[in-house]
Amino acid sequence: MNTMPKGPQGQKRPADVIGNAVHIARIATGEEQETSLKQPAKRKSGLAGAKARQDNTTAEDRSEIAKKAAAARWG
């Protein structure tokens, strides 16, 4: 039994290496569309939320948030 593997976002991928290479080539040439976003509305609302956060915070606040994030990531 040969099951179809899942990609990082749960999308279906061909089980064999050659089939996967052909699939990627089709995406690169535009013959197929990558459907990695199952719910594109979530991305749209996320972008709207990011804009709202940017409008509601000062440059100094954003700088402090970025410094804390960098310290947590690299600290």
N, C-alpha and C. Protein backbone atom coordinates (compact mmCIF):
# COMPACT_ATOMS: atom_id res chain seq x y z
N MET A 1 0.85 -1.18 0.00
CA MET A 1 0.00 0.00 0.00
C MET A 1 0.89 1.24 0.00
N ASN A 2 0.63 2.14 -0.90
CA ASN A 2 1.44 3.34 -1.04
C ASN A 2 0.57 4.55 -0.71
N THR A 3 0.75 5.11 0.48
CA THR A 3 -0.05 6.26 0.88
C THR A 3 0.59 7.53 0.40
N MET A 4 -0.21 8.55 0.22
CA MET A 4 0.28 9.83 -0.26
C MET A 4 0.78 10.65 0.93
N PRO A 5 2.05 11.08 0.89
CA PRO A 5 2.57 11.89 1.98
C PRO A 5 1.96 13.28 2.00
N LYS A 6 2.09 13.93 3.13
CA LYS A 6 1.55 15.27 3.31
C LYS A 6 2.71 16.26 3.36
N GLY A 7 2.48 17.46 2.83
CA GLY A 7 3.47 18.52 2.88
C GLY A 7 3.42 19.22 4.23
N PRO A 8 4.21 20.27 4.43
CA PRO A 8 4.28 20.97 5.71
C PRO A 8 2.94 21.55 6.16
N GLN A 9 2.11 21.99 5.24
CA GLN A 9 0.80 22.54 5.59
C GLN A 9 -0.32 21.52 5.39
N GLY A 10 0.03 20.23 5.24
CA GLY A 10 -0.97 19.20 5.10
C GLY A 10 -1.41 18.94 3.68
N GLN A 11 -0.80 19.57 2.68
CA GLN A 11 -1.20 19.36 1.31
C GLN A 11 -0.69 17.99 0.83
N LYS A 12 -1.41 17.40 -0.12
CA LYS A 12 -1.05 16.09 -0.62
C LYS A 12 0.11 16.21 -1.60
N ARG A 13 1.05 15.29 -1.50
CA ARG A 13 2.20 15.24 -2.39
C ARG A 13 2.33 13.84 -2.98
N PRO A 14 2.89 13.71 -4.19
CA PRO A 14 3.12 12.38 -4.75
C PRO A 14 4.08 11.58 -3.87
N ALA A 15 3.86 10.25 -3.79
CA ALA A 15 4.65 9.41 -2.91
C ALA A 15 6.05 9.13 -3.45
N ASP A 16 6.23 9.11 -4.78
CA ASP A 16 7.54 8.78 -5.33
C ASP A 16 8.31 10.05 -5.67
N VAL A 17 9.62 9.93 -5.74
CA VAL A 17 10.51 11.07 -5.96
C VAL A 17 10.28 11.71 -7.33
N ILE A 18 10.14 10.91 -8.35
CA ILE A 18 9.97 11.44 -9.71
C ILE A 18 8.62 12.15 -9.82
N GLY A 19 7.58 11.55 -9.24
CA GLY A 19 6.27 12.18 -9.25
C GLY A 19 6.28 13.51 -8.54
N ASN A 20 7.01 13.58 -7.43
CA ASN A 20 7.11 14.84 -6.69
C ASN A 20 7.87 15.88 -7.50
N ALA A 21 8.93 15.46 -8.20
CA ALA A 21 9.70 16.40 -9.03
C ALA A 21 8.83 16.95 -10.16
N VAL A 22 8.02 16.09 -10.77
CA VAL A 22 7.12 16.54 -11.83
C VAL A 22 6.09 17.51 -11.27
N HIS A 23 5.57 17.21 -10.09
CA HIS A 23 4.59 18.09 -9.45
C HIS A 23 5.18 19.47 -9.18
N ILE A 24 6.40 19.52 -8.66
CA ILE A 24 7.07 20.79 -8.37
C ILE A 24 7.34 21.55 -9.67
N ALA A 25 7.74 20.84 -10.73
CA ALA A 25 7.98 21.50 -12.01
C ALA A 25 6.70 22.11 -12.56
N ARG A 26 5.57 21.41 -12.40
CA ARG A 26 4.29 21.95 -12.86
C ARG A 26 3.91 23.21 -12.09
N ILE A 27 4.19 23.22 -10.80
CA ILE A 27 3.92 24.41 -10.01
C ILE A 27 4.80 25.56 -10.48
N ALA A 28 6.08 25.27 -10.74
CA ALA A 28 7.03 26.31 -11.15
C ALA A 28 6.67 26.89 -12.51
N THR A 29 6.13 26.07 -13.42
CA THR A 29 5.78 26.56 -14.75
C THR A 29 4.37 27.13 -14.82
N GLY A 30 3.62 27.00 -13.74
CA GLY A 30 2.29 27.58 -13.70
C GLY A 30 1.19 26.65 -14.20
N GLU A 31 1.52 25.39 -14.51
CA GLU A 31 0.50 24.44 -14.96
C GLU A 31 -0.44 24.06 -13.81
N GLU A 32 0.09 24.02 -12.60
CA GLU A 32 -0.71 23.71 -11.41
C GLU A 32 -0.55 24.84 -10.42
N GLN A 33 -1.53 24.97 -9.55
CA GLN A 33 -1.45 25.99 -8.51
C GLN A 33 -1.14 25.33 -7.19
N GLU A 34 -0.26 25.92 -6.43
CA GLU A 34 0.04 25.43 -5.09
C GLU A 34 -1.11 25.83 -4.19
N THR A 35 -1.66 24.89 -3.50
CA THR A 35 -2.79 25.17 -2.61
C THR A 35 -2.36 24.97 -1.17
N SER A 36 -1.36 25.74 -0.75
CA SER A 36 -0.84 25.57 0.60
C SER A 36 -1.74 26.24 1.64
N LEU A 37 -2.49 27.25 1.24
CA LEU A 37 -3.39 27.90 2.18
C LEU A 37 -4.78 27.29 2.06
N LYS A 38 -5.18 26.56 3.10
CA LYS A 38 -6.51 25.95 3.07
C LYS A 38 -7.59 26.99 3.31
N GLN A 39 -7.27 28.02 4.09
CA GLN A 39 -8.25 29.05 4.41
C GLN A 39 -7.64 30.43 4.16
N PRO A 40 -7.68 30.91 2.91
CA PRO A 40 -7.04 32.19 2.59
C PRO A 40 -7.64 33.36 3.36
N ALA A 41 -8.88 33.22 3.86
CA ALA A 41 -9.49 34.31 4.62
C ALA A 41 -8.72 34.58 5.91
N LYS A 42 -8.12 33.53 6.48
CA LYS A 42 -7.32 33.71 7.70
C LYS A 42 -6.11 34.60 7.42
N ARG A 43 -5.48 34.42 6.27
CA ARG A 43 -4.34 35.26 5.92
C ARG A 43 -4.78 36.71 5.76
N LYS A 44 -5.92 36.89 5.11
CA LYS A 44 -6.43 38.24 4.89
C LYS A 44 -6.71 38.94 6.22
N SER A 45 -7.34 38.22 7.16
CA SER A 45 -7.63 38.84 8.45
C SER A 45 -6.35 39.07 9.24
N GLY A 46 -5.36 38.19 9.05
CA GLY A 46 -4.07 38.38 9.72
C GLY A 46 -3.37 39.64 9.23
N LEU A 47 -3.44 39.87 7.92
CA LEU A 47 -2.84 41.08 7.37
C LEU A 47 -3.57 42.33 7.87
N ALA A 48 -4.90 42.24 7.99
CA ALA A 48 -5.66 43.37 8.50
C ALA A 48 -5.31 43.64 9.96
N GLY A 49 -5.12 42.56 10.73
CA GLY A 49 -4.74 42.72 12.13
C GLY A 49 -3.36 43.34 12.28
N ALA A 50 -2.45 42.94 11.40
CA ALA A 50 -1.10 43.51 11.44
C ALA A 50 -1.14 45.01 11.14
N LYS A 51 -1.96 45.40 10.18
CA LYS A 51 -2.08 46.82 9.85
C LYS A 51 -2.69 47.58 11.02
N ALA A 52 -3.71 46.99 11.66
CA ALA A 52 -4.34 47.66 12.81
C ALA A 52 -3.36 47.81 13.96
N ARG A 53 -2.55 46.77 14.22
CA ARG A 53 -1.54 46.87 15.28
C ARG A 53 -0.52 47.95 14.96
N GLN A 54 -0.14 48.04 13.68
CA GLN A 54 0.83 49.05 13.29
C GLN A 54 0.26 50.46 13.49
N ASP A 55 -1.01 50.63 13.16
CA ASP A 55 -1.64 51.94 13.32
C ASP A 55 -1.82 52.32 14.78
N ASN A 56 -1.97 51.32 15.67
CA ASN A 56 -2.27 51.59 17.08
C ASN A 56 -1.05 51.61 17.98
N THR A 57 0.14 51.34 17.45
CA THR A 57 1.34 51.38 18.28
C THR A 57 2.30 52.42 17.72
N THR A 58 3.08 52.99 18.61
CA THR A 58 4.06 53.99 18.18
C THR A 58 5.32 53.29 17.69
N ALA A 59 6.18 54.03 17.04
CA ALA A 59 7.43 53.48 16.53
C ALA A 59 8.29 52.97 17.69
N GLU A 60 8.27 53.68 18.82
CA GLU A 60 9.06 53.26 19.98
C GLU A 60 8.54 51.93 20.55
N ASP A 61 7.21 51.80 20.61
CA ASP A 61 6.62 50.54 21.09
C ASP A 61 6.98 49.38 20.18
N ARG A 62 6.89 49.60 18.87
CA ARG A 62 7.24 48.54 17.93
C ARG A 62 8.71 48.16 18.05
N SER A 63 9.56 49.16 18.28
CA SER A 63 10.98 48.90 18.45
C SER A 63 11.24 48.04 19.69
N GLU A 64 10.56 48.35 20.78
CA GLU A 64 10.71 47.56 22.01
C GLU A 64 10.22 46.13 21.80
N ILE A 65 9.10 45.97 21.11
CA ILE A 65 8.57 44.64 20.83
C ILE A 65 9.57 43.84 19.99
N ALA A 66 10.15 44.50 18.99
CA ALA A 66 11.13 43.83 18.13
C ALA A 66 12.39 43.44 18.89
N LYS A 67 12.84 44.30 19.80
CA LYS A 67 14.01 43.98 20.62
C LYS A 67 13.75 42.78 21.52
N LYS A 68 12.54 42.73 22.13
CA LYS A 68 12.19 41.59 22.98
C LYS A 68 12.12 40.31 22.16
N ALA A 69 11.56 40.41 20.96
CA ALA A 69 11.45 39.23 20.10
C ALA A 69 12.84 38.73 19.68
N ALA A 70 13.74 39.66 19.34
CA ALA A 70 15.08 39.27 18.95
C ALA A 70 15.83 38.65 20.12
N ALA A 71 15.65 39.21 21.31
CA ALA A 71 16.31 38.65 22.50
C ALA A 71 15.80 37.24 22.78
N ALA A 72 14.49 37.04 22.63
CA ALA A 72 13.93 35.71 22.87
C ALA A 72 14.42 34.71 21.82
N ARG A 73 14.54 35.18 20.58
CA ARG A 73 14.96 34.29 19.50
C ARG A 73 16.44 33.94 19.61
N TRP A 74 17.27 34.92 19.86
CA TRP A 74 18.72 34.70 19.85
C TRP A 74 19.32 34.61 21.23
N GLY A 75 18.53 34.91 22.26
CA GLY A 75 19.04 34.97 23.62
C GLY A 75 19.37 33.65 24.19
